[in-house]
């Protein structure tokens, strides 16, 4: 066999190996923006493990959807997935996004009116009121404690079947904490206004969610895009398959994804719930990193080469 032909065969073999590796094991993606800083920087190139949540069948424009060795997502995973709002292409041909998973199927997230996660990690002012959560069974005990300060019940929000939230002045909470000592069951929630706080349930397979004015559009879009249902809002009422509904049931598991940088809205606040069939895999490591718009010999972030994604 001629030497040139050997090189051609070797090149074809290497190309096939890389193609198979990309299709069935790992793939590489470029980070074009700063939405995931400080975990990922613009200019990073990452490896994504396609087996993290089960290997998804390739060529979904030709083959039916299937996952081998399907696994659940873990909260706080940095996940690569296809754009769930794109209706014009097969799933694996849609744009690729990357975000952190902060909501698993069945989770309840506390969000504001634009679906931004409400964080308890805020700076507190002694003279302002904030939301605090407590177990439902502590309602009477809390009322009794508040009577000590001549306070009556304020706005109460039901978080889930076991938890409620109430608006309290910070100085009252501080005094209650001192009285409770180590047995405290009050937890700070948010500084947001009462009307801006909502308990958002992430749908899971078989879950039924109640329809409210604030989640009506989100649920309608999810039904149309991913559940193949005929859904529309008419006269402030959600209609599914031509019937008015006050609750809807889902057949898939969904996730809520957020950017590290809250200014960047290219996450679930923009495209809604992400179904399990749109997941590509978990971002595992950074194999290359370079400052954008720098020369061939400059801009390399050597300390980021071959580091784990966190």
C-alpha atoms as a PDB file:
ATOM      1  CA  UNK A   1       0.000   0.000   0.000  1.00  0.00           C
ATOM      2  CA  UNK A   2       1.333   3.393  -0.933  1.00  0.00           C
ATOM      3  CA  UNK A   3       2.412   5.734   1.844  1.00  0.00           C
ATOM      4  CA  UNK A   4       0.018   8.475   0.676  1.00  0.00           C
ATOM      5  CA  UNK A   5      -2.944   6.112   0.813  1.00  0.00           C
ATOM      6  CA  UNK A   6      -2.021   5.125   4.396  1.00  0.00           C
ATOM      7  CA  UNK A   7      -2.103   8.780   5.431  1.00  0.00           C
ATOM      8  CA  UNK A   8      -5.517   9.239   3.795  1.00  0.00           C
ATOM      9  CA  UNK A   9      -6.920   6.187   5.596  1.00  0.00           C
ATOM     10  CA  UNK A  10      -5.430   7.391   8.896  1.00  0.00           C
ATOM     11  CA  UNK A  11      -6.952  10.839   8.393  1.00  0.00           C
ATOM     12  CA  UNK A  12     -10.378   9.392   7.575  1.00  0.00           C
ATOM     13  CA  UNK A  13     -10.155   7.081  10.598  1.00  0.00           C
ATOM     14  CA  UNK A  14      -9.271   9.993  12.893  1.00  0.00           C
ATOM     15  CA  UNK A  15     -12.119  12.092  11.486  1.00  0.00           C
ATOM     16  CA  UNK A  16     -14.601   9.252  12.023  1.00  0.00           C
ATOM     17  CA  UNK A  17     -13.346   8.774  15.578  1.00  0.00           C
ATOM     18  CA  UNK A  18     -13.835  12.480  16.356  1.00  0.00           C
ATOM     19  CA  UNK A  19     -17.300  12.431  14.748  1.00  0.00           C
ATOM     20  CA  UNK A  20     -18.360   9.383  16.772  1.00  0.00           C
ATOM     21  CA  UNK A  21     -16.944  10.935  19.949  1.00  0.00           C
ATOM     22  CA  UNK A  22     -18.875  14.147  19.273  1.00  0.00           C
ATOM     23  CA  UNK A  23     -22.119  12.300  18.528  1.00  0.00           C
ATOM     24  CA  UNK A  24     -22.027   9.729  21.301  1.00  0.00           C
ATOM     25  CA  UNK A  25     -19.820  10.939  24.141  1.00  0.00           C
ATOM     26  CA  UNK A  26     -18.560  14.518  24.416  1.00  0.00           C
ATOM     27  CA  UNK A  27     -18.989  17.662  22.377  1.00  0.00           C
ATOM     28  CA  UNK A  28     -17.385  21.103  22.556  1.00  0.00           C
ATOM     29  CA  UNK A  29     -19.135  24.469  22.714  1.00  0.00           C
ATOM     30  CA  UNK A  30     -17.894  28.053  22.615  1.00  0.00           C
ATOM     31  CA  UNK A  31     -19.165  30.551  25.203  1.00  0.00           C
ATOM     32  CA  UNK A  32     -19.993  33.735  23.222  1.00  0.00           C
ATOM     33  CA  UNK A  33     -21.276  35.967  26.063  1.00  0.00           C
ATOM     34  CA  UNK A  34     -20.880  36.708  29.773  1.00  0.00           C
ATOM     35  CA  UNK A  35     -24.260  35.459  31.016  1.00  0.00           C
ATOM     36  CA  UNK A  36     -22.660  32.628  33.034  1.00  0.00           C
ATOM     37  CA  UNK A  37     -19.850  34.590  34.683  1.00  0.00           C
ATOM     38  CA  UNK A  38     -18.099  33.870  36.950  1.00  0.00           C
ATOM     39  CA  UNK A  39     -18.491  30.146  36.239  1.00  0.00           C
ATOM     40  CA  UNK A  40     -17.850  30.605  32.519  1.00  0.00           C
ATOM     41  CA  UNK A  41     -16.228  33.525  30.730  1.00  0.00           C
ATOM     42  CA  UNK A  42     -16.813  34.794  27.238  1.00  0.00           C
ATOM     43  CA  UNK A  43     -14.205  33.021  25.105  1.00  0.00           C
ATOM     44  CA  UNK A  44     -14.202  29.747  27.056  1.00  0.00           C
ATOM     45  CA  UNK A  45     -14.527  26.480  25.162  1.00  0.00           C
ATOM     46  CA  UNK A  46     -16.168  23.750  27.185  1.00  0.00           C
ATOM     47  CA  UNK A  47     -16.660  20.003  27.034  1.00  0.00           C
ATOM     48  CA  UNK A  48     -20.208  18.703  27.484  1.00  0.00           C
ATOM     49  CA  UNK A  49     -20.854  15.144  28.656  1.00  0.00           C
ATOM     50  CA  UNK A  50     -23.740  13.779  26.589  1.00  0.00           C
ATOM     51  CA  UNK A  51     -24.214  10.835  28.971  1.00  0.00           C
ATOM     52  CA  UNK A  52     -24.842  13.031  32.038  1.00  0.00           C
ATOM     53  CA  UNK A  53     -28.620  12.771  31.636  1.00  0.00           C
ATOM     54  CA  UNK A  54     -28.655   9.839  29.239  1.00  0.00           C
ATOM     55  CA  UNK A  55     -27.509   9.810  25.636  1.00  0.00           C
ATOM     56  CA  UNK A  56     -30.125  11.403  23.385  1.00  0.00           C
ATOM     57  CA  UNK A  57     -30.699   9.827  19.983  1.00  0.00           C
ATOM     58  CA  UNK A  58     -29.023  11.837  17.186  1.00  0.00           C
ATOM     59  CA  UNK A  59     -30.620  13.074  13.944  1.00  0.00           C
ATOM     60  CA  UNK A  60     -33.980  13.831  15.538  1.00  0.00           C
ATOM     61  CA  UNK A  61     -35.269  15.170  12.220  1.00  0.00           C
ATOM     62  CA  UNK A  62     -35.080  11.551  10.978  1.00  0.00           C
ATOM     63  CA  UNK A  63     -35.132   9.351  14.100  1.00  0.00           C
ATOM     64  CA  UNK A  64     -37.619   9.210  17.009  1.00  0.00           C
ATOM     65  CA  UNK A  65     -36.600  10.686  20.352  1.00  0.00           C
ATOM     66  CA  UNK A  66     -35.018   8.264  22.829  1.00  0.00           C
ATOM     67  CA  UNK A  67     -32.522   8.368  25.705  1.00  0.00           C
ATOM     68  CA  UNK A  68     -30.213   5.566  26.721  1.00  0.00           C
ATOM     69  CA  UNK A  69     -29.380   5.267  30.451  1.00  0.00           C
ATOM     70  CA  UNK A  70     -31.599   8.235  31.289  1.00  0.00           C
ATOM     71  CA  UNK A  71     -30.592  10.100  34.460  1.00  0.00           C
ATOM     72  CA  UNK A  72     -32.112  13.066  36.330  1.00  0.00           C
ATOM     73  CA  UNK A  73     -30.609  16.536  36.436  1.00  0.00           C
ATOM     74  CA  UNK A  74     -29.133  17.698  39.744  1.00  0.00           C
ATOM     75  CA  UNK A  75     -29.899  21.149  41.071  1.00  0.00           C
ATOM     76  CA  UNK A  76     -27.107  23.667  40.370  1.00  0.00           C
ATOM     77  CA  UNK A  77     -25.863  21.684  37.338  1.00  0.00           C
ATOM     78  CA  UNK A  78     -24.686  23.887  34.476  1.00  0.00           C
ATOM     79  CA  UNK A  79     -26.666  22.432  31.595  1.00  0.00           C
ATOM     80  CA  UNK A  80     -26.402  22.702  27.820  1.00  0.00           C
ATOM     81  CA  UNK A  81     -29.763  22.443  26.048  1.00  0.00           C
ATOM     82  CA  UNK A  82     -31.570  23.345  22.849  1.00  0.00           C
ATOM     83  CA  UNK A  83     -33.710  26.471  22.668  1.00  0.00           C
ATOM     84  CA  UNK A  84     -37.189  25.385  23.864  1.00  0.00           C
ATOM     85  CA  UNK A  85     -38.869  28.413  22.259  1.00  0.00           C
ATOM     86  CA  UNK A  86     -37.759  27.559  18.703  1.00  0.00           C
ATOM     87  CA  UNK A  87     -40.578  25.827  16.822  1.00  0.00           C
ATOM     88  CA  UNK A  88     -38.973  25.787  13.382  1.00  0.00           C
ATOM     89  CA  UNK A  89     -36.508  22.909  13.615  1.00  0.00           C
ATOM     90  CA  UNK A  90     -35.883  19.418  14.949  1.00  0.00           C
ATOM     91  CA  UNK A  91     -34.813  19.544  18.599  1.00  0.00           C
ATOM     92  CA  UNK A  92     -31.123  18.862  17.928  1.00  0.00           C
ATOM     93  CA  UNK A  93     -31.016  21.534  15.196  1.00  0.00           C
ATOM     94  CA  UNK A  94     -32.211  24.314  17.495  1.00  0.00           C
ATOM     95  CA  UNK A  95     -29.862  26.921  18.938  1.00  0.00           C
ATOM     96  CA  UNK A  96     -27.785  25.763  21.891  1.00  0.00           C
ATOM     97  CA  UNK A  97     -28.053  27.583  25.241  1.00  0.00           C
ATOM     98  CA  UNK A  98     -26.281  27.103  28.561  1.00  0.00           C
ATOM     99  CA  UNK A  99     -27.669  27.920  32.012  1.00  0.00           C
ATOM    100  CA  UNK A 100     -27.687  26.739  35.595  1.00  0.00           C
ATOM    101  CA  UNK A 101     -30.577  24.488  36.645  1.00  0.00           C
ATOM    102  CA  UNK A 102     -32.216  25.861  39.785  1.00  0.00           C
ATOM    103  CA  UNK A 103     -35.630  24.215  39.448  1.00  0.00           C
ATOM    104  CA  UNK A 104     -36.310  20.471  39.161  1.00  0.00           C
ATOM    105  CA  UNK A 105     -39.665  18.819  38.345  1.00  0.00           C
ATOM    106  CA  UNK A 106     -42.022  19.424  41.259  1.00  0.00           C
ATOM    107  CA  UNK A 107     -39.915  22.182  42.855  1.00  0.00           C
ATOM    108  CA  UNK A 108     -41.559  25.403  44.050  1.00  0.00           C
ATOM    109  CA  UNK A 109     -39.603  28.569  43.270  1.00  0.00           C
ATOM    110  CA  UNK A 110     -40.393  31.998  44.646  1.00  0.00           C
ATOM    111  CA  UNK A 111     -40.314  34.464  41.745  1.00  0.00           C
ATOM    112  CA  UNK A 112     -41.258  38.064  41.118  1.00  0.00           C
ATOM    113  CA  UNK A 113     -43.556  39.446  38.418  1.00  0.00           C
ATOM    114  CA  UNK A 114     -40.939  38.924  35.665  1.00  0.00           C
ATOM    115  CA  UNK A 115     -40.042  35.397  36.877  1.00  0.00           C
ATOM    116  CA  UNK A 116     -36.750  36.395  38.448  1.00  0.00           C
ATOM    117  CA  UNK A 117     -35.862  34.128  41.357  1.00  0.00           C
ATOM    118  CA  UNK A 118     -36.333  35.854  44.693  1.00  0.00           C
ATOM    119  CA  UNK A 119     -33.206  35.410  46.772  1.00  0.00           C
ATOM    120  CA  UNK A 120     -33.091  35.486  50.561  1.00  0.00           C
ATOM    121  CA  UNK A 121     -29.535  36.823  50.350  1.00  0.00           C
ATOM    122  CA  UNK A 122     -30.372  40.508  50.451  1.00  0.00           C
ATOM    123  CA  UNK A 123     -29.158  43.359  52.635  1.00  0.00           C
ATOM    124  CA  UNK A 124     -31.712  43.985  55.379  1.00  0.00           C
ATOM    125  CA  UNK A 125     -32.773  47.351  56.751  1.00  0.00           C
ATOM    126  CA  UNK A 126     -33.996  47.435  60.343  1.00  0.00           C
ATOM    127  CA  UNK A 127     -36.873  49.797  59.534  1.00  0.00           C
ATOM    128  CA  UNK A 128     -38.299  47.898  56.526  1.00  0.00           C
ATOM    129  CA  UNK A 129     -40.633  44.905  56.158  1.00  0.00           C
ATOM    130  CA  UNK A 130     -39.653  41.635  54.475  1.00  0.00           C
ATOM    131  CA  UNK A 131     -41.154  38.238  53.780  1.00  0.00           C
ATOM    132  CA  UNK A 132     -40.485  35.344  56.142  1.00  0.00           C
ATOM    133  CA  UNK A 133     -41.483  31.715  55.696  1.00  0.00           C
ATOM    134  CA  UNK A 134     -42.767  29.380  58.398  1.00  0.00           C
ATOM    135  CA  UNK A 135     -44.464  25.941  58.611  1.00  0.00           C
ATOM    136  CA  UNK A 136     -48.248  25.971  58.287  1.00  0.00           C
ATOM    137  CA  UNK A 137     -48.672  24.384  61.716  1.00  0.00           C
ATOM    138  CA  UNK A 138     -46.937  27.410  63.310  1.00  0.00           C
ATOM    139  CA  UNK A 139     -49.637  29.854  62.147  1.00  0.00           C
ATOM    140  CA  UNK A 140     -51.456  30.060  65.511  1.00  0.00           C
ATOM    141  CA  UNK A 141     -48.186  30.260  67.458  1.00  0.00           C
ATOM    142  CA  UNK A 142     -46.954  33.076  65.218  1.00  0.00           C
ATOM    143  CA  UNK A 143     -50.200  35.005  65.687  1.00  0.00           C
ATOM    144  CA  UNK A 144     -49.812  34.634  69.447  1.00  0.00           C
ATOM    145  CA  UNK A 145     -46.228  35.920  69.326  1.00  0.00           C
ATOM    146  CA  UNK A 146     -47.213  38.858  67.141  1.00  0.00           C
ATOM    147  CA  UNK A 147     -49.978  39.847  69.586  1.00  0.00           C
ATOM    148  CA  UNK A 148     -47.160  40.636  72.002  1.00  0.00           C
ATOM    149  CA  UNK A 149     -46.159  43.435  69.612  1.00  0.00           C
ATOM    150  CA  UNK A 150     -49.780  44.462  68.924  1.00  0.00           C
ATOM    151  CA  UNK A 151     -49.487  43.200  65.360  1.00  0.00           C
ATOM    152  CA  UNK A 152     -52.301  41.578  63.389  1.00  0.00           C
ATOM    153  CA  UNK A 153     -52.094  39.224  60.390  1.00  0.00           C
ATOM    154  CA  UNK A 154     -50.609  40.829  57.292  1.00  0.00           C
ATOM    155  CA  UNK A 155     -50.508  39.533  53.727  1.00  0.00           C
ATOM    156  CA  UNK A 156     -49.976  35.765  53.771  1.00  0.00           C
ATOM    157  CA  UNK A 157     -48.748  33.778  50.773  1.00  0.00           C
ATOM    158  CA  UNK A 158     -49.072  30.018  50.490  1.00  0.00           C
ATOM    159  CA  UNK A 159     -45.710  28.694  49.265  1.00  0.00           C
ATOM    160  CA  UNK A 160     -46.712  25.016  49.127  1.00  0.00           C
ATOM    161  CA  UNK A 161     -48.751  22.526  51.132  1.00  0.00           C
ATOM    162  CA  UNK A 162     -46.404  22.803  54.118  1.00  0.00           C
ATOM    163  CA  UNK A 163     -45.048  26.358  54.014  1.00  0.00           C
ATOM    164  CA  UNK A 164     -46.391  29.915  54.160  1.00  0.00           C
ATOM    165  CA  UNK A 165     -44.854  33.383  53.979  1.00  0.00           C
ATOM    166  CA  UNK A 166     -45.781  36.571  55.810  1.00  0.00           C
ATOM    167  CA  UNK A 167     -44.671  40.178  55.605  1.00  0.00           C
ATOM    168  CA  UNK A 168     -43.036  41.327  58.866  1.00  0.00           C
ATOM    169  CA  UNK A 169     -40.925  44.327  59.908  1.00  0.00           C
ATOM    170  CA  UNK A 170     -37.285  43.324  60.280  1.00  0.00           C
ATOM    171  CA  UNK A 171     -37.073  44.612  63.845  1.00  0.00           C
ATOM    172  CA  UNK A 172     -40.089  42.464  64.819  1.00  0.00           C
ATOM    173  CA  UNK A 173     -38.430  39.417  63.240  1.00  0.00           C
ATOM    174  CA  UNK A 174     -35.240  40.223  65.138  1.00  0.00           C
ATOM    175  CA  UNK A 175     -37.138  40.287  68.441  1.00  0.00           C
ATOM    176  CA  UNK A 176     -38.976  37.060  67.611  1.00  0.00           C
ATOM    177  CA  UNK A 177     -35.642  35.386  66.850  1.00  0.00           C
ATOM    178  CA  UNK A 178     -34.310  36.416  70.249  1.00  0.00           C
ATOM    179  CA  UNK A 179     -37.395  34.950  71.955  1.00  0.00           C
ATOM    180  CA  UNK A 180     -37.261  31.685  69.984  1.00  0.00           C
ATOM    181  CA  UNK A 181     -33.535  31.119  70.419  1.00  0.00           C
ATOM    182  CA  UNK A 182     -32.301  27.961  68.678  1.00  0.00           C
ATOM    183  CA  UNK A 183     -35.868  26.782  68.035  1.00  0.00           C
ATOM    184  CA  UNK A 184     -36.550  29.462  65.428  1.00  0.00           C
ATOM    185  CA  UNK A 185     -38.756  28.358  62.519  1.00  0.00           C
ATOM    186  CA  UNK A 186     -38.952  31.757  60.764  1.00  0.00           C
ATOM    187  CA  UNK A 187     -36.747  32.120  57.667  1.00  0.00           C
ATOM    188  CA  UNK A 188     -36.117  35.336  55.674  1.00  0.00           C
ATOM    189  CA  UNK A 189     -37.441  35.170  52.133  1.00  0.00           C
ATOM    190  CA  UNK A 190     -37.347  38.439  50.237  1.00  0.00           C
ATOM    191  CA  UNK A 191     -37.472  42.203  50.224  1.00  0.00           C
ATOM    192  CA  UNK A 192     -39.935  42.359  47.296  1.00  0.00           C
ATOM    193  CA  UNK A 193     -43.427  43.812  47.402  1.00  0.00           C
ATOM    194  CA  UNK A 194     -46.308  41.412  48.186  1.00  0.00           C
ATOM    195  CA  UNK A 195     -47.876  41.704  44.728  1.00  0.00           C
ATOM    196  CA  UNK A 196     -44.577  40.728  43.063  1.00  0.00           C
ATOM    197  CA  UNK A 197     -44.117  37.387  44.835  1.00  0.00           C
ATOM    198  CA  UNK A 198     -45.419  34.147  43.317  1.00  0.00           C
ATOM    199  CA  UNK A 199     -44.841  30.444  44.070  1.00  0.00           C
ATOM    200  CA  UNK A 200     -43.843  28.976  40.689  1.00  0.00           C
ATOM    201  CA  UNK A 201     -44.132  25.185  40.501  1.00  0.00           C
ATOM    202  CA  UNK A 202     -41.867  23.494  37.949  1.00  0.00           C
ATOM    203  CA  UNK A 203     -44.011  20.885  36.118  1.00  0.00           C
ATOM    204  CA  UNK A 204     -43.167  17.211  36.327  1.00  0.00           C
ATOM    205  CA  UNK A 205     -44.604  14.209  34.516  1.00  0.00           C
ATOM    206  CA  UNK A 206     -48.166  13.738  35.776  1.00  0.00           C
ATOM    207  CA  UNK A 207     -48.201  17.000  37.775  1.00  0.00           C
ATOM    208  CA  UNK A 208     -51.311  19.199  37.719  1.00  0.00           C
ATOM    209  CA  UNK A 209     -50.740  22.947  38.078  1.00  0.00           C
ATOM    210  CA  UNK A 210     -53.339  25.563  38.893  1.00  0.00           C
ATOM    211  CA  UNK A 211     -53.798  28.409  36.420  1.00  0.00           C
ATOM    212  CA  UNK A 212     -53.363  31.965  37.728  1.00  0.00           C
ATOM    213  CA  UNK A 213     -53.265  35.281  35.858  1.00  0.00           C
ATOM    214  CA  UNK A 214     -49.506  35.562  36.474  1.00  0.00           C
ATOM    215  CA  UNK A 215     -48.617  32.070  35.115  1.00  0.00           C
ATOM    216  CA  UNK A 216     -51.325  31.743  32.451  1.00  0.00           C
ATOM    217  CA  UNK A 217     -49.158  32.704  29.471  1.00  0.00           C
ATOM    218  CA  UNK A 218     -46.233  30.571  30.666  1.00  0.00           C
ATOM    219  CA  UNK A 219     -48.444  27.501  30.974  1.00  0.00           C
ATOM    220  CA  UNK A 220     -50.109  28.143  27.616  1.00  0.00           C
ATOM    221  CA  UNK A 221     -46.746  28.383  25.838  1.00  0.00           C
ATOM    222  CA  UNK A 222     -45.539  25.180  27.497  1.00  0.00           C
ATOM    223  CA  UNK A 223     -48.666  23.300  26.437  1.00  0.00           C
ATOM    224  CA  UNK A 224     -48.423  24.506  22.833  1.00  0.00           C
ATOM    225  CA  UNK A 225     -44.667  24.096  22.390  1.00  0.00           C
ATOM    226  CA  UNK A 226     -44.011  20.867  24.262  1.00  0.00           C
ATOM    227  CA  UNK A 227     -47.257  19.070  25.084  1.00  0.00           C
ATOM    228  CA  UNK A 228     -48.791  19.292  21.581  1.00  0.00           C
ATOM    229  CA  UNK A 229     -52.000  20.744  23.005  1.00  0.00           C
ATOM    230  CA  UNK A 230     -54.276  23.339  21.463  1.00  0.00           C
ATOM    231  CA  UNK A 231     -54.098  26.158  24.030  1.00  0.00           C
ATOM    232  CA  UNK A 232     -55.119  29.804  23.792  1.00  0.00           C
ATOM    233  CA  UNK A 233     -56.034  32.667  26.133  1.00  0.00           C
ATOM    234  CA  UNK A 234     -59.395  34.300  25.474  1.00  0.00           C
ATOM    235  CA  UNK A 235     -61.027  36.914  27.715  1.00  0.00           C
ATOM    236  CA  UNK A 236     -58.391  36.289  30.409  1.00  0.00           C
ATOM    237  CA  UNK A 237     -59.220  32.568  30.485  1.00  0.00           C
ATOM    238  CA  UNK A 238     -56.988  29.706  29.395  1.00  0.00           C
ATOM    239  CA  UNK A 239     -58.658  27.350  26.922  1.00  0.00           C
ATOM    240  CA  UNK A 240     -57.136  23.913  26.274  1.00  0.00           C
ATOM    241  CA  UNK A 241     -58.586  21.863  23.430  1.00  0.00           C
ATOM    242  CA  UNK A 242     -61.443  24.415  23.218  1.00  0.00           C
ATOM    243  CA  UNK A 243     -62.374  23.985  26.897  1.00  0.00           C
ATOM    244  CA  UNK A 244     -61.850  26.610  29.643  1.00  0.00           C
ATOM    245  CA  UNK A 245     -59.556  25.246  32.368  1.00  0.00           C
ATOM    246  CA  UNK A 246     -58.389  26.318  35.820  1.00  0.00           C
ATOM    247  CA  UNK A 247     -55.664  23.657  36.018  1.00  0.00           C
ATOM    248  CA  UNK A 248     -53.493  21.723  33.558  1.00  0.00           C
ATOM    249  CA  UNK A 249     -51.643  18.390  33.706  1.00  0.00           C
ATOM    250  CA  UNK A 250     -48.257  17.785  32.100  1.00  0.00           C
ATOM    251  CA  UNK A 251     -46.792  14.646  30.508  1.00  0.00           C
ATOM    252  CA  UNK A 252     -43.087  15.587  30.625  1.00  0.00           C
ATOM    253  CA  UNK A 253     -40.465  16.602  33.175  1.00  0.00           C
ATOM    254  CA  UNK A 254     -39.375  20.236  32.983  1.00  0.00           C
ATOM    255  CA  UNK A 255     -36.589  22.373  34.431  1.00  0.00           C
ATOM    256  CA  UNK A 256     -36.090  26.045  35.263  1.00  0.00           C
ATOM    257  CA  UNK A 257     -32.783  27.472  34.047  1.00  0.00           C
ATOM    258  CA  UNK A 258     -31.133  30.741  35.082  1.00  0.00           C
ATOM    259  CA  UNK A 259     -28.047  32.698  34.129  1.00  0.00           C
ATOM    260  CA  UNK A 260     -25.375  33.457  36.717  1.00  0.00           C
ATOM    261  CA  UNK A 261     -25.572  37.082  35.618  1.00  0.00           C
ATOM    262  CA  UNK A 262     -29.147  38.184  36.382  1.00  0.00           C
ATOM    263  CA  UNK A 263     -28.897  41.080  33.908  1.00  0.00           C
ATOM    264  CA  UNK A 264     -28.757  38.494  31.137  1.00  0.00           C
ATOM    265  CA  UNK A 265     -32.334  37.342  30.443  1.00  0.00           C
ATOM    266  CA  UNK A 266     -31.497  34.558  27.983  1.00  0.00           C
ATOM    267  CA  UNK A 267     -32.779  31.941  30.401  1.00  0.00           C
ATOM    268  CA  UNK A 268     -36.133  30.582  31.553  1.00  0.00           C
ATOM    269  CA  UNK A 269     -37.390  34.116  32.128  1.00  0.00           C
ATOM    270  CA  UNK A 270     -37.315  34.447  28.334  1.00  0.00           C
ATOM    271  CA  UNK A 271     -38.028  30.952  26.974  1.00  0.00           C
ATOM    272  CA  UNK A 272     -39.898  29.316  29.880  1.00  0.00           C
ATOM    273  CA  UNK A 273     -39.632  25.748  31.101  1.00  0.00           C
ATOM    274  CA  UNK A 274     -37.044  23.465  29.492  1.00  0.00           C
ATOM    275  CA  UNK A 275     -38.344  19.927  28.782  1.00  0.00           C
ATOM    276  CA  UNK A 276     -36.131  16.920  29.423  1.00  0.00           C
ATOM    277  CA  UNK A 277     -35.977  16.019  25.728  1.00  0.00           C
ATOM    278  CA  UNK A 278     -34.196  19.348  25.015  1.00  0.00           C
ATOM    279  CA  UNK A 279     -31.243  18.567  27.304  1.00  0.00           C
ATOM    280  CA  UNK A 280     -27.895  17.974  25.562  1.00  0.00           C
ATOM    281  CA  UNK A 281     -25.737  17.310  28.602  1.00  0.00           C
ATOM    282  CA  UNK A 282     -23.806  18.726  31.527  1.00  0.00           C
ATOM    283  CA  UNK A 283     -20.928  21.170  31.094  1.00  0.00           C
ATOM    284  CA  UNK A 284     -18.007  19.396  32.736  1.00  0.00           C
ATOM    285  CA  UNK A 285     -14.730  21.181  31.938  1.00  0.00           C
ATOM    286  CA  UNK A 286     -13.058  24.098  30.187  1.00  0.00           C
ATOM    287  CA  UNK A 287     -10.440  22.874  27.730  1.00  0.00           C
ATOM    288  CA  UNK A 288      -9.527  26.237  26.163  1.00  0.00           C
ATOM    289  CA  UNK A 289      -9.967  29.879  27.116  1.00  0.00           C
ATOM    290  CA  UNK A 290      -9.003  33.090  25.341  1.00  0.00           C
ATOM    291  CA  UNK A 291     -10.014  36.729  25.628  1.00  0.00           C
ATOM    292  CA  UNK A 292     -12.250  37.690  22.669  1.00  0.00           C
ATOM    293  CA  UNK A 293     -10.829  40.016  20.017  1.00  0.00           C
ATOM    294  CA  UNK A 294      -7.190  39.432  20.934  1.00  0.00           C
ATOM    295  CA  UNK A 295      -4.272  38.541  18.694  1.00  0.00           C
ATOM    296  CA  UNK A 296      -2.893  35.110  17.933  1.00  0.00           C
ATOM    297  CA  UNK A 297      -0.173  35.431  20.561  1.00  0.00           C
ATOM    298  CA  UNK A 298      -2.144  37.135  23.333  1.00  0.00           C
ATOM    299  CA  UNK A 299      -5.270  36.841  25.447  1.00  0.00           C
ATOM    300  CA  UNK A 300      -4.869  33.245  26.561  1.00  0.00           C
ATOM    301  CA  UNK A 301      -6.260  32.473  30.017  1.00  0.00           C
ATOM    302  CA  UNK A 302      -3.795  29.711  30.865  1.00  0.00           C
ATOM    303  CA  UNK A 303      -5.174  29.285  34.400  1.00  0.00           C
ATOM    304  CA  UNK A 304      -8.540  28.212  32.954  1.00  0.00           C
ATOM    305  CA  UNK A 305      -7.231  25.484  30.628  1.00  0.00           C
ATOM    306  CA  UNK A 306      -8.444  21.992  31.647  1.00  0.00           C
ATOM    307  CA  UNK A 307     -10.369  23.184  34.709  1.00  0.00           C
ATOM    308  CA  UNK A 308     -13.750  21.946  35.959  1.00  0.00           C
ATOM    309  CA  UNK A 309     -16.956  23.908  35.407  1.00  0.00           C
ATOM    310  CA  UNK A 310     -18.503  24.946  38.710  1.00  0.00           C
END
